[in-house]
Amino acid sequence: MIVSSRTLVTALAAALLAASLAGCTAGSPEPKPTSSADAEQTPGITDIDDTPGSGEDLVGALADNTMGDCVRDGDAWKVSGTVANPTEEAASYRIYVSLLNGANDTRALVQVDVDDLAAGEEETWDTEIPVAEDDLSCVLRVERYVA
């Protein structure tokens, strides 16, 4: 009987495949999660009226804001700042305050509005965010609109 080399190579490949898959049996137990994987994180807080970046004719205006406090006070974070309108016409601001943990996970996103700020004027804003977690950092997104 004459066996072609193609048939021989195919049979050899099938045998090698079957042998390699034999080591993939379910003999070992499923891995169990570690305690850090078991820990549940409290859901984050989102309190916004407008999706960031959704307004018409917005101008990024982080430079218009001076950061005040970003401190935990009991079961909440107190965040404040002062926004100054450098333009020659009235402007409104949307300030989005994010609280981030060390892994850069957003634990809260809150919107603060400052409406109809006259040209050259400034206004202090503040918010209290009910998140009882330590070691968070405040990150702002500031949008300016013609009032």
Protein backbone atom coordinates (compact mmCIF):
# COMPACT_ATOMS: atom_id res chain seq x y z
CA MET A 1 0.00 0.00 0.00
CA ILE A 2 1.37 3.40 -1.00
CA VAL A 3 0.56 6.32 1.32
CA SER A 4 0.96 9.80 -0.08
CA SER A 5 3.08 12.27 1.82
CA ARG A 6 0.11 14.65 2.05
CA THR A 7 -1.98 12.00 3.85
CA LEU A 8 0.93 11.17 6.14
CA VAL A 9 1.49 14.84 7.07
CA THR A 10 -2.25 15.34 7.73
CA ALA A 11 -2.41 12.24 9.93
CA LEU A 12 0.70 13.32 11.84
CA ALA A 13 -0.73 16.83 12.40
CA ALA A 14 -4.01 15.36 13.67
CA ALA A 15 -2.14 13.08 16.07
CA LEU A 16 -0.06 15.98 17.43
CA LEU A 17 -3.17 18.11 17.88
CA ALA A 18 -4.96 15.34 19.76
CA ALA A 19 -1.94 14.82 22.01
CA SER A 20 -1.63 18.52 22.81
CA LEU A 21 -5.34 18.83 23.63
CA ALA A 22 -5.15 15.88 25.99
CA GLY A 23 -3.25 18.13 28.43
CA CYS A 24 -6.21 20.55 28.51
CA THR A 25 -8.50 18.41 30.59
CA ALA A 26 -10.52 19.79 33.49
CA GLY A 27 -8.35 18.11 36.12
CA SER A 28 -7.42 21.29 38.00
CA PRO A 29 -9.99 23.31 39.95
CA GLU A 30 -11.14 26.76 38.87
CA PRO A 31 -9.07 29.56 40.39
CA LYS A 32 -10.71 31.36 43.29
CA PRO A 33 -10.83 35.16 43.42
CA THR A 34 -8.55 36.90 45.89
CA SER A 35 -9.90 39.11 48.63
CA SER A 36 -9.24 42.23 46.55
CA ALA A 37 -11.36 40.81 43.75
CA ASP A 38 -14.13 40.05 46.24
CA ALA A 39 -14.24 43.60 47.62
CA GLU A 40 -17.12 45.60 46.20
CA GLN A 41 -16.69 49.28 45.51
CA THR A 42 -19.51 51.66 46.31
CA PRO A 43 -21.07 52.89 43.07
CA GLY A 44 -19.86 56.31 41.95
CA ILE A 45 -22.02 59.42 41.90
CA THR A 46 -23.06 61.26 38.75
CA ASP A 47 -25.00 64.48 39.21
CA ILE A 48 -24.98 66.39 35.92
CA ASP A 49 -27.65 68.10 33.85
CA ASP A 50 -25.63 68.45 30.66
CA THR A 51 -23.25 66.00 29.03
CA PRO A 52 -19.73 67.49 29.09
CA GLY A 53 -18.89 69.03 25.72
CA SER A 54 -22.50 69.01 24.52
CA GLY A 55 -23.12 72.76 24.45
CA GLU A 56 -22.87 74.87 21.32
CA ASP A 57 -19.98 77.31 20.97
CA LEU A 58 -18.27 76.16 24.15
CA VAL A 59 -14.77 77.33 24.93
CA GLY A 60 -12.48 75.31 27.17
CA ALA A 61 -11.90 77.64 30.08
CA LEU A 62 -9.88 75.82 32.74
CA ALA A 63 -7.59 78.87 32.90
CA ASP A 64 -10.61 81.01 33.95
CA ASN A 65 -10.88 79.01 37.18
CA THR A 66 -8.77 79.18 40.33
CA MET A 67 -9.09 76.06 42.46
CA GLY A 68 -10.10 76.57 46.07
CA ASP A 69 -10.69 73.64 48.41
CA CYS A 70 -10.77 69.95 47.60
CA VAL A 71 -11.07 68.33 51.03
CA ARG A 72 -12.90 65.47 52.65
CA ASP A 73 -15.17 66.60 55.45
CA GLY A 74 -16.81 63.62 57.16
CA ASP A 75 -18.78 61.62 54.61
CA ALA A 76 -18.46 64.21 51.84
CA TRP A 77 -15.94 66.16 49.79
CA LYS A 78 -16.10 69.95 49.75
CA VAL A 79 -14.84 71.46 46.52
CA SER A 80 -14.70 75.14 45.64
CA GLY A 81 -13.11 77.61 43.30
CA THR A 82 -13.38 81.03 41.74
CA VAL A 83 -14.17 81.58 38.09
CA ALA A 84 -13.21 84.87 36.41
CA ASN A 85 -14.64 85.99 33.08
CA PRO A 86 -11.76 87.44 31.00
CA THR A 87 -13.96 88.24 27.99
CA GLU A 88 -15.62 91.49 26.99
CA GLU A 89 -19.15 90.09 27.28
CA ALA A 90 -21.18 88.17 29.84
CA ALA A 91 -20.48 84.45 29.99
CA SER A 92 -21.93 81.36 31.63
CA TYR A 93 -19.83 78.48 32.92
CA ARG A 94 -20.32 74.76 33.36
CA ILE A 95 -17.81 73.38 35.81
CA TYR A 96 -17.57 69.59 35.99
CA VAL A 97 -15.91 68.32 39.16
CA SER A 98 -14.56 64.77 39.05
CA LEU A 99 -13.30 62.90 42.10
CA LEU A 100 -10.72 60.30 41.07
CA ASN A 101 -9.10 57.57 43.14
CA GLY A 102 -5.47 56.45 42.86
CA ALA A 103 -6.33 54.13 39.95
CA ASN A 104 -7.91 57.10 38.11
CA ASP A 105 -11.38 55.61 38.51
CA THR A 106 -14.06 58.31 38.58
CA ARG A 107 -15.81 58.10 41.94
CA ALA A 108 -18.01 61.17 41.32
CA LEU A 109 -18.89 63.62 38.57
CA VAL A 110 -20.84 66.74 39.55
CA GLN A 111 -21.86 69.78 37.50
CA VAL A 112 -21.73 73.31 38.91
CA ASP A 113 -23.24 76.15 36.85
CA VAL A 114 -22.23 79.80 37.09
CA ASP A 115 -24.67 81.79 34.96
CA ASP A 116 -24.44 85.27 33.46
CA LEU A 117 -21.08 86.32 34.84
CA ALA A 118 -20.44 89.88 33.65
CA ALA A 119 -17.34 90.74 31.62
CA GLY A 120 -14.29 91.10 33.85
CA GLU A 121 -16.13 89.83 36.95
CA GLU A 122 -15.45 86.78 39.10
CA GLU A 123 -17.62 84.52 41.22
CA THR A 124 -16.87 81.90 43.85
CA TRP A 125 -18.55 78.52 43.45
CA ASP A 126 -18.72 75.46 45.71
CA THR A 127 -20.23 72.01 45.88
CA GLU A 128 -20.44 69.18 48.39
CA ILE A 129 -20.17 65.64 47.04
CA PRO A 130 -21.39 62.79 49.29
CA VAL A 131 -18.52 60.34 48.79
CA ALA A 132 -17.00 58.85 51.96
CA GLU A 133 -13.67 57.72 50.48
CA ASP A 134 -10.14 58.82 51.31
CA ASP A 135 -7.31 59.78 48.99
CA LEU A 136 -9.35 61.22 46.13
CA SER A 137 -8.21 64.00 43.84
CA CYS A 138 -10.27 66.73 42.20
CA VAL A 139 -10.12 67.19 38.44
CA LEU A 140 -12.07 69.97 36.73
CA ARG A 141 -13.46 70.51 33.26
CA VAL A 142 -14.50 74.14 32.75
CA GLU A 143 -16.63 75.21 29.79
CA ARG A 144 -17.47 78.85 28.96
CA TYR A 145 -20.46 79.95 26.88
CA VAL A 146 -21.64 83.35 25.74
CA ALA A 147 -24.48 84.24 28.12
